[in-house]
Amino acid sequence: MQPLNIGELWMWFAFIVFVLAMLAVDLFVFGGRKAHRVSVREASCWVIAWCALTLTFAGLLWWYLNGEFGPEIAQRKTLEFLTGYLIEQSLSIDNMFVFVMIFSYFAVPPELQRRVLLYGVLGAIVMRGAMIFAGVWLVSQFAWLLYVFGVFLIITGIKMLVFAHQRPDLDKNPLLRWIHGHLRVTAGLHGERFFVMQNGRRWATPMFMVLVLIEASDLIFAVDSIPAIFAITTDPFIVFTSNIFAIMGLRALYFLLADMADRFHLLKYGLAIVLVFIGAKMTLMPWLHMPIEWSLAVVGGIILTSVLLSLILTRKEDQMRSL
């Protein structure tokens, strides 16, 4: 029996128009092109807005599918979307820690971070779209790849558990070394500009290197997160929309939590456990079927537990230092 793929042409068109409209609102209405420090209030409003839009989309999806296919299909597909969104949002949070490290390494002030992250979102949408469609096609042609993805996620999760406490050394990053070897790079920042003209020659700025690293990090994380959602669904529309909602909301979440990143030091372990759980679920699919509701509860429980434990332990450490 072929799985039901719900994405009709008009649904794809409407969703892409919605994404472009939201990017235009950010750029032209809320000053996304202007350098400014994003306040906690502004970031909070955007986080709430994206959560509300995600839930509204889920509600509209259920309403449409309920009328077209009945309540059983509507509930299953809506839960697939919400579970996929939670998985993608959770795994994307790991990107937040990398963003903090990259901006700190290049000493990028907060007021210059918004524009480069916007370009990062645009690049991530294009890259993930291509990877999603390639992945869906491969899985449809070679079903056994799901088990390969499952084993890969288990290995990745175990590696994350082992190396969660280590921080990458950007001084030895091969991509940065290649850029320095092939491009002229200015010593300091030039505002938000990626390239400048000096003495009749075009020079790259450190901000360009920041953009390259952000795009590269999202590509690396997509290799983990996209196979993970295949444990929930292979419906291209569900995979794509849940990924895009997670990506679009990540930038606001970064500005809200960047200053508190150190307080969530156990979250990496929680994300690693999520990867192992999803990988095990994929490899055991022929013998063990787990309802989507259970998967949603397990993933949400792991993330919530790791966040709460992080905050509790951080608070205790602060109290110990104050004595």
C-alpha atoms as a PDB file:
ATOM      1  CA  MET A   1       0.000   0.000   0.000  1.00  0.00           C
ATOM      2  CA  GLN A   2       1.438   3.347  -1.089  1.00  0.00           C
ATOM      3  CA  PRO A   3       1.615   6.015   1.634  1.00  0.00           C
ATOM      4  CA  LEU A   4      -0.737   8.963   1.199  1.00  0.00           C
ATOM      5  CA  ASN A   5       1.022  12.153   0.106  1.00  0.00           C
ATOM      6  CA  ILE A   6      -1.264  15.112   0.691  1.00  0.00           C
ATOM      7  CA  GLY A   7       0.610  17.932  -1.022  1.00  0.00           C
ATOM      8  CA  GLU A   8      -1.354  19.190  -4.006  1.00  0.00           C
ATOM      9  CA  LEU A   9       0.082  21.808  -6.350  1.00  0.00           C
ATOM     10  CA  TRP A  10      -1.998  24.637  -4.910  1.00  0.00           C
ATOM     11  CA  MET A  11      -0.876  23.737  -1.372  1.00  0.00           C
ATOM     12  CA  TRP A  12       2.799  23.934  -2.369  1.00  0.00           C
ATOM     13  CA  PHE A  13       2.214  27.237  -4.130  1.00  0.00           C
ATOM     14  CA  ALA A  14       0.279  28.723  -1.205  1.00  0.00           C
ATOM     15  CA  PHE A  15       2.912  27.680   1.323  1.00  0.00           C
ATOM     16  CA  ILE A  16       5.829  29.072  -0.709  1.00  0.00           C
ATOM     17  CA  VAL A  17       3.928  32.349  -1.164  1.00  0.00           C
ATOM     18  CA  PHE A  18       3.373  32.434   2.607  1.00  0.00           C
ATOM     19  CA  VAL A  19       7.103  31.936   3.306  1.00  0.00           C
ATOM     20  CA  LEU A  20       8.089  34.659   0.814  1.00  0.00           C
ATOM     21  CA  ALA A  21       5.487  36.998   2.307  1.00  0.00           C
ATOM     22  CA  MET A  22       6.839  36.464   5.829  1.00  0.00           C
ATOM     23  CA  LEU A  23      10.384  37.143   4.649  1.00  0.00           C
ATOM     24  CA  ALA A  24       9.163  40.326   2.927  1.00  0.00           C
ATOM     25  CA  VAL A  25       7.397  41.419   6.129  1.00  0.00           C
ATOM     26  CA  ASP A  26      10.629  40.899   8.060  1.00  0.00           C
ATOM     27  CA  LEU A  27      12.682  42.825   5.497  1.00  0.00           C
ATOM     28  CA  PHE A  28      10.429  45.728   4.606  1.00  0.00           C
ATOM     29  CA  VAL A  29       7.997  46.144   7.504  1.00  0.00           C
ATOM     30  CA  PHE A  30      10.034  45.271  10.590  1.00  0.00           C
ATOM     31  CA  GLY A  31      13.378  46.562   9.401  1.00  0.00           C
ATOM     32  CA  GLY A  32      15.192  43.321   8.689  1.00  0.00           C
ATOM     33  CA  ARG A  33      17.570  45.167   6.359  1.00  0.00           C
ATOM     34  CA  LYS A  34      18.590  47.680   9.033  1.00  0.00           C
ATOM     35  CA  ALA A  35      21.315  46.947  11.539  1.00  0.00           C
ATOM     36  CA  HIS A  36      19.947  47.014  15.058  1.00  0.00           C
ATOM     37  CA  ARG A  37      20.185  45.012  18.246  1.00  0.00           C
ATOM     38  CA  VAL A  38      17.219  42.667  18.597  1.00  0.00           C
ATOM     39  CA  SER A  39      15.698  43.191  22.028  1.00  0.00           C
ATOM     40  CA  VAL A  40      14.340  40.413  24.216  1.00  0.00           C
ATOM     41  CA  ARG A  41      10.853  41.848  23.690  1.00  0.00           C
ATOM     42  CA  GLU A  42      11.180  41.823  19.900  1.00  0.00           C
ATOM     43  CA  ALA A  43      12.609  38.298  19.885  1.00  0.00           C
ATOM     44  CA  SER A  44       9.855  37.102  22.243  1.00  0.00           C
ATOM     45  CA  CYS A  45       7.177  38.545  19.971  1.00  0.00           C
ATOM     46  CA  TRP A  46       8.643  36.761  16.962  1.00  0.00           C
ATOM     47  CA  VAL A  47       8.937  33.453  18.853  1.00  0.00           C
ATOM     48  CA  ILE A  48       5.305  33.708  19.949  1.00  0.00           C
ATOM     49  CA  ALA A  49       4.278  34.700  16.418  1.00  0.00           C
ATOM     50  CA  TRP A  50       6.010  31.712  14.833  1.00  0.00           C
ATOM     51  CA  CYS A  51       4.576  29.311  17.400  1.00  0.00           C
ATOM     52  CA  ALA A  52       1.105  30.748  16.732  1.00  0.00           C
ATOM     53  CA  LEU A  53       1.597  30.483  12.959  1.00  0.00           C
ATOM     54  CA  THR A  54       2.783  26.886  13.292  1.00  0.00           C
ATOM     55  CA  LEU A  55      -0.257  25.897  15.358  1.00  0.00           C
ATOM     56  CA  THR A  56      -2.554  27.818  12.989  1.00  0.00           C
ATOM     57  CA  PHE A  57      -1.078  25.939  10.049  1.00  0.00           C
ATOM     58  CA  ALA A  58      -1.611  22.642  11.889  1.00  0.00           C
ATOM     59  CA  GLY A  59      -5.233  23.612  12.550  1.00  0.00           C
ATOM     60  CA  LEU A  60      -5.846  24.563   8.918  1.00  0.00           C
ATOM     61  CA  LEU A  61      -4.179  21.341   7.782  1.00  0.00           C
ATOM     62  CA  TRP A  62      -6.482  19.281  10.019  1.00  0.00           C
ATOM     63  CA  TRP A  63      -9.557  21.227   8.858  1.00  0.00           C
ATOM     64  CA  TYR A  64      -8.757  20.693   5.175  1.00  0.00           C
ATOM     65  CA  LEU A  65      -7.844  17.006   5.517  1.00  0.00           C
ATOM     66  CA  ASN A  66     -10.852  16.303   7.697  1.00  0.00           C
ATOM     67  CA  GLY A  67     -13.116  17.563   4.913  1.00  0.00           C
ATOM     68  CA  GLU A  68     -11.212  15.760   2.142  1.00  0.00           C
ATOM     69  CA  PHE A  69     -10.178  12.439   3.718  1.00  0.00           C
ATOM     70  CA  GLY A  70     -11.952  12.163   7.064  1.00  0.00           C
ATOM     71  CA  PRO A  71     -10.882  12.565  10.711  1.00  0.00           C
ATOM     72  CA  GLU A  72      -8.475   9.590  10.825  1.00  0.00           C
ATOM     73  CA  ILE A  73      -6.240  10.881   8.029  1.00  0.00           C
ATOM     74  CA  ALA A  74      -6.557  14.443   9.317  1.00  0.00           C
ATOM     75  CA  GLN A  75      -5.402  13.469  12.801  1.00  0.00           C
ATOM     76  CA  ARG A  76      -2.531  11.305  11.556  1.00  0.00           C
ATOM     77  CA  LYS A  77      -1.146  13.882   9.143  1.00  0.00           C
ATOM     78  CA  THR A  78      -1.512  16.735  11.626  1.00  0.00           C
ATOM     79  CA  LEU A  79       0.342  14.737  14.287  1.00  0.00           C
ATOM     80  CA  GLU A  80       3.019  13.896  11.724  1.00  0.00           C
ATOM     81  CA  PHE A  81       3.460  17.620  11.060  1.00  0.00           C
ATOM     82  CA  LEU A  82       3.606  18.565  14.756  1.00  0.00           C
ATOM     83  CA  THR A  83       5.982  15.714  15.623  1.00  0.00           C
ATOM     84  CA  GLY A  84       8.191  16.514  12.649  1.00  0.00           C
ATOM     85  CA  TYR A  85       8.205  20.191  13.622  1.00  0.00           C
ATOM     86  CA  LEU A  86       9.176  19.379  17.214  1.00  0.00           C
ATOM     87  CA  ILE A  87      11.991  17.107  16.050  1.00  0.00           C
ATOM     88  CA  GLU A  88      13.313  19.629  13.541  1.00  0.00           C
ATOM     89  CA  GLN A  89      12.997  22.552  15.973  1.00  0.00           C
ATOM     90  CA  SER A  90      14.738  20.579  18.716  1.00  0.00           C
ATOM     91  CA  LEU A  91      17.611  19.468  16.515  1.00  0.00           C
ATOM     92  CA  SER A  92      17.918  22.942  14.996  1.00  0.00           C
ATOM     93  CA  ILE A  93      18.448  24.383  18.467  1.00  0.00           C
ATOM     94  CA  ASP A  94      21.881  22.768  18.391  1.00  0.00           C
ATOM     95  CA  ASN A  95      22.593  25.225  15.582  1.00  0.00           C
ATOM     96  CA  MET A  96      22.008  28.021  18.089  1.00  0.00           C
ATOM     97  CA  PHE A  97      25.059  26.984  20.100  1.00  0.00           C
ATOM     98  CA  VAL A  98      27.144  27.013  16.911  1.00  0.00           C
ATOM     99  CA  PHE A  99      25.851  30.485  15.969  1.00  0.00           C
ATOM    100  CA  VAL A 100      26.876  31.798  19.397  1.00  0.00           C
ATOM    101  CA  MET A 101      30.364  30.343  18.961  1.00  0.00           C
ATOM    102  CA  ILE A 102      30.778  31.750  15.422  1.00  0.00           C
ATOM    103  CA  PHE A 103      29.648  35.270  16.354  1.00  0.00           C
ATOM    104  CA  SER A 104      31.873  35.227  19.450  1.00  0.00           C
ATOM    105  CA  TYR A 105      34.906  34.039  17.471  1.00  0.00           C
ATOM    106  CA  PHE A 106      34.579  36.877  14.943  1.00  0.00           C
ATOM    107  CA  ALA A 107      33.489  39.408  17.599  1.00  0.00           C
ATOM    108  CA  VAL A 108      30.324  40.297  15.676  1.00  0.00           C
ATOM    109  CA  PRO A 109      28.269  42.762  17.759  1.00  0.00           C
ATOM    110  CA  PRO A 110      24.578  41.916  18.317  1.00  0.00           C
ATOM    111  CA  GLU A 111      23.353  44.761  16.109  1.00  0.00           C
ATOM    112  CA  LEU A 112      25.120  43.225  13.067  1.00  0.00           C
ATOM    113  CA  GLN A 113      23.875  39.666  13.522  1.00  0.00           C
ATOM    114  CA  ARG A 114      20.306  39.920  12.243  1.00  0.00           C
ATOM    115  CA  ARG A 115      21.053  40.400   8.532  1.00  0.00           C
ATOM    116  CA  VAL A 116      23.552  37.574   8.252  1.00  0.00           C
ATOM    117  CA  LEU A 117      21.094  35.228   9.974  1.00  0.00           C
ATOM    118  CA  LEU A 118      18.399  36.272   7.503  1.00  0.00           C
ATOM    119  CA  TYR A 119      20.673  35.265   4.632  1.00  0.00           C
ATOM    120  CA  GLY A 120      21.377  32.081   6.552  1.00  0.00           C
ATOM    121  CA  VAL A 121      17.635  31.336   6.659  1.00  0.00           C
ATOM    122  CA  LEU A 122      17.319  31.891   2.896  1.00  0.00           C
ATOM    123  CA  GLY A 123      20.230  29.570   2.195  1.00  0.00           C
ATOM    124  CA  ALA A 124      18.870  26.971   4.604  1.00  0.00           C
ATOM    125  CA  ILE A 125      15.465  26.971   2.877  1.00  0.00           C
ATOM    126  CA  VAL A 126      17.053  26.323  -0.529  1.00  0.00           C
ATOM    127  CA  MET A 127      19.465  23.657   0.754  1.00  0.00           C
ATOM    128  CA  ARG A 128      16.903  21.813   2.833  1.00  0.00           C
ATOM    129  CA  GLY A 129      14.347  21.908   0.056  1.00  0.00           C
ATOM    130  CA  ALA A 130      16.808  20.240  -2.308  1.00  0.00           C
ATOM    131  CA  MET A 131      17.862  17.681   0.313  1.00  0.00           C
ATOM    132  CA  ILE A 132      14.264  16.866   1.269  1.00  0.00           C
ATOM    133  CA  PHE A 133      13.169  16.159  -2.291  1.00  0.00           C
ATOM    134  CA  ALA A 134      16.325  14.139  -2.947  1.00  0.00           C
ATOM    135  CA  GLY A 135      15.783  12.174   0.267  1.00  0.00           C
ATOM    136  CA  VAL A 136      12.104  11.499  -0.432  1.00  0.00           C
ATOM    137  CA  TRP A 137      12.918  10.293  -3.939  1.00  0.00           C
ATOM    138  CA  LEU A 138      15.704   8.015  -2.698  1.00  0.00           C
ATOM    139  CA  VAL A 139      13.491   6.517   0.020  1.00  0.00           C
ATOM    140  CA  SER A 140      10.682   5.932  -2.487  1.00  0.00           C
ATOM    141  CA  GLN A 141      13.106   4.108  -4.782  1.00  0.00           C
ATOM    142  CA  PHE A 142      15.153   2.300  -2.146  1.00  0.00           C
ATOM    143  CA  ALA A 143      13.071   1.658   0.975  1.00  0.00           C
ATOM    144  CA  TRP A 144      16.005  -0.024   2.708  1.00  0.00           C
ATOM    145  CA  LEU A 145      17.678   3.402   2.992  1.00  0.00           C
ATOM    146  CA  LEU A 146      15.401   4.105   5.976  1.00  0.00           C
ATOM    147  CA  TYR A 147      17.334   1.480   7.944  1.00  0.00           C
ATOM    148  CA  VAL A 148      20.627   3.018   6.812  1.00  0.00           C
ATOM    149  CA  PHE A 149      19.370   6.398   8.023  1.00  0.00           C
ATOM    150  CA  GLY A 150      18.367   4.791  11.320  1.00  0.00           C
ATOM    151  CA  VAL A 151      21.819   3.314  11.926  1.00  0.00           C
ATOM    152  CA  PHE A 152      23.400   6.618  10.907  1.00  0.00           C
ATOM    153  CA  LEU A 153      21.284   8.530  13.434  1.00  0.00           C
ATOM    154  CA  ILE A 154      22.154   6.065  16.217  1.00  0.00           C
ATOM    155  CA  ILE A 155      25.882   6.458  15.494  1.00  0.00           C
ATOM    156  CA  THR A 156      25.531  10.256  15.280  1.00  0.00           C
ATOM    157  CA  GLY A 157      23.607  10.376  18.568  1.00  0.00           C
ATOM    158  CA  ILE A 158      26.232   8.270  20.336  1.00  0.00           C
ATOM    159  CA  LYS A 159      29.012  10.503  18.986  1.00  0.00           C
ATOM    160  CA  MET A 160      27.109  13.558  20.244  1.00  0.00           C
ATOM    161  CA  LEU A 161      26.845  11.984  23.698  1.00  0.00           C
ATOM    162  CA  VAL A 162      30.569  11.261  23.795  1.00  0.00           C
ATOM    163  CA  PHE A 163      31.756  14.607  22.433  1.00  0.00           C
ATOM    164  CA  ALA A 164      28.985  16.907  23.716  1.00  0.00           C
ATOM    165  CA  HIS A 165      31.385  18.682  26.102  1.00  0.00           C
ATOM    166  CA  GLN A 166      33.932  19.503  23.379  1.00  0.00           C
ATOM    167  CA  ARG A 167      33.882  22.806  21.486  1.00  0.00           C
ATOM    168  CA  PRO A 168      35.043  22.957  17.843  1.00  0.00           C
ATOM    169  CA  ASP A 169      38.311  24.797  17.261  1.00  0.00           C
ATOM    170  CA  LEU A 170      37.586  27.361  14.546  1.00  0.00           C
ATOM    171  CA  ASP A 171      41.303  28.182  14.240  1.00  0.00           C
ATOM    172  CA  LYS A 172      41.728  24.754  12.634  1.00  0.00           C
ATOM    173  CA  ASN A 173      38.536  24.843  10.573  1.00  0.00           C
ATOM    174  CA  PRO A 174      39.484  23.684   7.038  1.00  0.00           C
ATOM    175  CA  LEU A 175      36.811  25.848   5.386  1.00  0.00           C
ATOM    176  CA  LEU A 176      38.152  29.020   7.001  1.00  0.00           C
ATOM    177  CA  ARG A 177      41.719  28.057   6.129  1.00  0.00           C
ATOM    178  CA  TRP A 178      40.675  27.504   2.503  1.00  0.00           C
ATOM    179  CA  ILE A 179      38.987  30.925   2.346  1.00  0.00           C
ATOM    180  CA  HIS A 180      42.066  32.619   3.805  1.00  0.00           C
ATOM    181  CA  GLY A 181      44.189  30.807   1.224  1.00  0.00           C
ATOM    182  CA  HIS A 182      42.079  31.795  -1.786  1.00  0.00           C
ATOM    183  CA  LEU A 183      40.514  35.171  -0.905  1.00  0.00           C
ATOM    184  CA  ARG A 184      41.763  38.489   0.361  1.00  0.00           C
ATOM    185  CA  VAL A 185      40.120  39.027   3.742  1.00  0.00           C
ATOM    186  CA  THR A 186      40.073  42.346   5.608  1.00  0.00           C
ATOM    187  CA  ALA A 187      41.368  42.463   9.153  1.00  0.00           C
ATOM    188  CA  GLY A 188      38.179  43.920  10.628  1.00  0.00           C
ATOM    189  CA  LEU A 189      34.466  44.113  10.053  1.00  0.00           C
ATOM    190  CA  HIS A 190      32.932  46.644   7.674  1.00  0.00           C
ATOM    191  CA  GLY A 191      29.454  46.812   9.137  1.00  0.00           C
ATOM    192  CA  GLU A 192      27.137  44.254   7.576  1.00  0.00           C
ATOM    193  CA  ARG A 193      29.005  44.177   4.268  1.00  0.00           C
ATOM    194  CA  PHE A 194      30.349  40.884   2.924  1.00  0.00           C
ATOM    195  CA  PHE A 195      32.733  42.468   0.384  1.00  0.00           C
ATOM    196  CA  VAL A 196      34.462  45.848   0.118  1.00  0.00           C
ATOM    197  CA  MET A 197      36.700  47.578  -2.419  1.00  0.00           C
ATOM    198  CA  GLN A 198      40.173  48.561  -1.197  1.00  0.00           C
ATOM    199  CA  ASN A 199      42.869  49.997  -3.482  1.00  0.00           C
ATOM    200  CA  GLY A 200      40.878  48.943  -6.539  1.00  0.00           C
ATOM    201  CA  ARG A 201      40.538  45.320  -5.386  1.00  0.00           C
ATOM    202  CA  ARG A 202      37.613  43.421  -3.945  1.00  0.00           C
ATOM    203  CA  TRP A 203      38.175  42.076  -0.451  1.00  0.00           C
ATOM    204  CA  ALA A 204      36.025  39.688   1.527  1.00  0.00           C
ATOM    205  CA  THR A 205      35.193  40.725   5.076  1.00  0.00           C
ATOM    206  CA  PRO A 206      35.021  38.553   8.197  1.00  0.00           C
ATOM    207  CA  MET A 207      31.229  38.864   7.907  1.00  0.00           C
ATOM    208  CA  PHE A 208      31.412  36.850   4.673  1.00  0.00           C
ATOM    209  CA  MET A 209      33.266  34.121   6.555  1.00  0.00           C
ATOM    210  CA  VAL A 210      30.559  34.200   9.223  1.00  0.00           C
ATOM    211  CA  LEU A 211      27.918  33.680   6.530  1.00  0.00           C
ATOM    212  CA  VAL A 212      29.838  30.779   4.989  1.00  0.00           C
ATOM    213  CA  LEU A 213      30.212  29.075   8.364  1.00  0.00           C
ATOM    214  CA  ILE A 214      26.526  29.545   9.201  1.00  0.00           C
ATOM    215  CA  GLU A 215      25.463  28.035   5.873  1.00  0.00           C
ATOM    216  CA  ALA A 216      27.937  25.173   6.294  1.00  0.00           C
ATOM    217  CA  SER A 217      26.719  24.458   9.821  1.00  0.00           C
ATOM    218  CA  ASP A 218      23.111  24.291   8.652  1.00  0.00           C
ATOM    219  CA  LEU A 219      24.111  21.887   5.893  1.00  0.00           C
ATOM    220  CA  ILE A 220      25.814  19.650   8.458  1.00  0.00           C
ATOM    221  CA  PHE A 221      22.845  19.734  10.828  1.00  0.00           C
ATOM    222  CA  ALA A 222      20.438  19.064   7.953  1.00  0.00           C
ATOM    223  CA  VAL A 223      22.262  15.793   7.305  1.00  0.00           C
ATOM    224  CA  ASP A 224      21.111  14.699  10.778  1.00  0.00           C
ATOM    225  CA  SER A 225      17.710  16.342  11.031  1.00  0.00           C
ATOM    226  CA  ILE A 226      16.201  15.494   7.638  1.00  0.00           C
ATOM    227  CA  PRO A 227      16.727  11.707   7.962  1.00  0.00           C
ATOM    228  CA  ALA A 228      15.273  11.975  11.479  1.00  0.00           C
ATOM    229  CA  ILE A 229      11.872  13.135  10.250  1.00  0.00           C
ATOM    230  CA  PHE A 230      11.671  10.136   7.896  1.00  0.00           C
ATOM    231  CA  ALA A 231      11.061   8.080  11.021  1.00  0.00           C
ATOM    232  CA  ILE A 232       7.761   9.969  11.291  1.00  0.00           C
ATOM    233  CA  THR A 233       6.706  10.455   7.674  1.00  0.00           C
ATOM    234  CA  THR A 234       7.967  10.406   4.095  1.00  0.00           C
ATOM    235  CA  ASP A 235       5.221  12.741   2.886  1.00  0.00           C
ATOM    236  CA  PRO A 236       7.205  15.503   1.095  1.00  0.00           C
ATOM    237  CA  PHE A 237       4.728  18.247   2.012  1.00  0.00           C
ATOM    238  CA  ILE A 238       4.792  17.365   5.713  1.00  0.00           C
ATOM    239  CA  VAL A 239       8.588  17.035   5.733  1.00  0.00           C
ATOM    240  CA  PHE A 240       9.080  20.340   3.916  1.00  0.00           C
ATOM    241  CA  THR A 241       6.586  22.440   5.870  1.00  0.00           C
ATOM    242  CA  SER A 242       7.723  21.174   9.284  1.00  0.00           C
ATOM    243  CA  ASN A 243      11.358  21.897   8.344  1.00  0.00           C
ATOM    244  CA  ILE A 244      10.613  25.394   7.075  1.00  0.00           C
ATOM    245  CA  PHE A 245       8.560  26.372  10.124  1.00  0.00           C
ATOM    246  CA  ALA A 246      11.430  25.196  12.353  1.00  0.00           C
ATOM    247  CA  ILE A 247      14.001  27.146  10.326  1.00  0.00           C
ATOM    248  CA  MET A 248      11.930  30.332  10.169  1.00  0.00           C
ATOM    249  CA  GLY A 249      11.434  30.335  13.929  1.00  0.00           C
ATOM    250  CA  LEU A 250      15.039  29.501  14.796  1.00  0.00           C
ATOM    251  CA  ARG A 251      16.406  33.013  14.206  1.00  0.00           C
ATOM    252  CA  ALA A 252      13.975  34.574  16.694  1.00  0.00           C
ATOM    253  CA  LEU A 253      14.726  31.795  19.171  1.00  0.00           C
ATOM    254  CA  TYR A 254      18.444  32.504  18.798  1.00  0.00           C
ATOM    255  CA  PHE A 255      18.038  36.177  19.712  1.00  0.00           C
ATOM    256  CA  LEU A 256      15.862  35.204  22.678  1.00  0.00           C
ATOM    257  CA  LEU A 257      18.168  32.544  24.113  1.00  0.00           C
ATOM    258  CA  ALA A 258      21.669  33.437  22.847  1.00  0.00           C
ATOM    259  CA  ASP A 259      22.674  35.145  26.087  1.00  0.00           C
ATOM    260  CA  MET A 260      21.453  32.128  28.057  1.00  0.00           C
ATOM    261  CA  ALA A 261      23.039  29.423  25.872  1.00  0.00           C
ATOM    262  CA  ASP A 262      25.401  28.336  28.647  1.00  0.00           C
ATOM    263  CA  ARG A 263      22.426  27.646  30.908  1.00  0.00           C
ATOM    264  CA  PHE A 264      21.220  24.888  28.565  1.00  0.00           C
ATOM    265  CA  HIS A 265      24.408  22.852  28.700  1.00  0.00           C
ATOM    266  CA  LEU A 266      22.514  19.549  29.091  1.00  0.00           C
ATOM    267  CA  LEU A 267      20.383  20.156  26.017  1.00  0.00           C
ATOM    268  CA  LYS A 268      23.064  18.673  23.766  1.00  0.00           C
ATOM    269  CA  TYR A 269      22.776  15.402  25.651  1.00  0.00           C
ATOM    270  CA  GLY A 270      18.999  15.501  25.269  1.00  0.00           C
ATOM    271  CA  LEU A 271      19.320  16.074  21.522  1.00  0.00           C
ATOM    272  CA  ALA A 272      21.762  13.172  21.277  1.00  0.00           C
ATOM    273  CA  ILE A 273      19.274  10.895  23.057  1.00  0.00           C
ATOM    274  CA  VAL A 274      16.550  12.074  20.663  1.00  0.00           C
ATOM    275  CA  LEU A 275      18.716  11.057  17.695  1.00  0.00           C
ATOM    276  CA  VAL A 276      19.381   7.625  19.204  1.00  0.00           C
ATOM    277  CA  PHE A 277      15.663   7.156  19.925  1.00  0.00           C
ATOM    278  CA  ILE A 278      14.635   8.154  16.387  1.00  0.00           C
ATOM    279  CA  GLY A 279      17.363   5.989  14.848  1.00  0.00           C
ATOM    280  CA  ALA A 280      16.250   2.988  16.925  1.00  0.00           C
ATOM    281  CA  LYS A 281      12.630   3.629  15.917  1.00  0.00           C
ATOM    282  CA  MET A 282      13.612   3.585  12.230  1.00  0.00           C
ATOM    283  CA  THR A 283      15.671   0.398  12.448  1.00  0.00           C
ATOM    284  CA  LEU A 284      12.975  -1.444  14.428  1.00  0.00           C
ATOM    285  CA  MET A 285      10.052  -0.397  12.210  1.00  0.00           C
ATOM    286  CA  PRO A 286       9.473  -3.903  10.743  1.00  0.00           C
ATOM    287  CA  TRP A 287       9.094  -5.392  14.231  1.00  0.00           C
ATOM    288  CA  LEU A 288       7.929  -2.533  16.443  1.00  0.00           C
ATOM    289  CA  HIS A 289       5.326   0.050  15.505  1.00  0.00           C
ATOM    290  CA  MET A 290       5.154   3.117  17.727  1.00  0.00           C
ATOM    291  CA  PRO A 291       2.131   5.408  17.362  1.00  0.00           C
ATOM    292  CA  ILE A 292       2.930   8.979  16.372  1.00  0.00           C
ATOM    293  CA  GLU A 293       1.438  10.230  19.642  1.00  0.00           C
ATOM    294  CA  TRP A 294       4.018   8.218  21.568  1.00  0.00           C
ATOM    295  CA  SER A 295       6.869   9.524  19.439  1.00  0.00           C
ATOM    296  CA  LEU A 296       5.680  13.091  20.029  1.00  0.00           C
ATOM    297  CA  ALA A 297       5.457  12.468  23.779  1.00  0.00           C
ATOM    298  CA  VAL A 298       8.899  10.830  23.996  1.00  0.00           C
ATOM    299  CA  VAL A 299      10.704  13.525  21.985  1.00  0.00           C
ATOM    300  CA  GLY A 300       8.935  16.323  23.868  1.00  0.00           C
ATOM    301  CA  GLY A 301       9.642  14.649  27.214  1.00  0.00           C
ATOM    302  CA  ILE A 302      13.354  14.240  26.474  1.00  0.00           C
ATOM    303  CA  ILE A 303      13.791  17.865  25.390  1.00  0.00           C
ATOM    304  CA  LEU A 304      11.755  19.243  28.304  1.00  0.00           C
ATOM    305  CA  THR A 305      13.657  17.108  30.829  1.00  0.00           C
ATOM    306  CA  SER A 306      17.061  18.170  29.495  1.00  0.00           C
ATOM    307  CA  VAL A 307      16.047  21.861  29.584  1.00  0.00           C
ATOM    308  CA  LEU A 308      14.662  21.663  33.132  1.00  0.00           C
ATOM    309  CA  LEU A 309      17.696  19.739  34.418  1.00  0.00           C
ATOM    310  CA  SER A 310      19.984  22.304  32.780  1.00  0.00           C
ATOM    311  CA  LEU A 311      18.212  25.182  34.508  1.00  0.00           C
ATOM    312  CA  ILE A 312      18.133  23.385  37.889  1.00  0.00           C
ATOM    313  CA  LEU A 313      21.845  22.500  37.788  1.00  0.00           C
ATOM    314  CA  THR A 314      22.812  25.976  36.575  1.00  0.00           C
ATOM    315  CA  ARG A 315      20.828  27.556  39.393  1.00  0.00           C
ATOM    316  CA  LYS A 316      22.537  25.313  41.952  1.00  0.00           C
ATOM    317  CA  GLU A 317      25.958  26.188  40.530  1.00  0.00           C
ATOM    318  CA  ASP A 318      25.119  29.916  40.735  1.00  0.00           C
ATOM    319  CA  GLN A 319      24.050  29.466  44.356  1.00  0.00           C
ATOM    320  CA  MET A 320      27.279  27.620  45.179  1.00  0.00           C
ATOM    321  CA  ARG A 321      29.392  30.375  43.631  1.00  0.00           C
ATOM    322  CA  SER A 322      27.515  33.049  45.556  1.00  0.00           C
ATOM    323  CA  LEU A 323      28.283  31.425  48.933  1.00  0.00           C
END
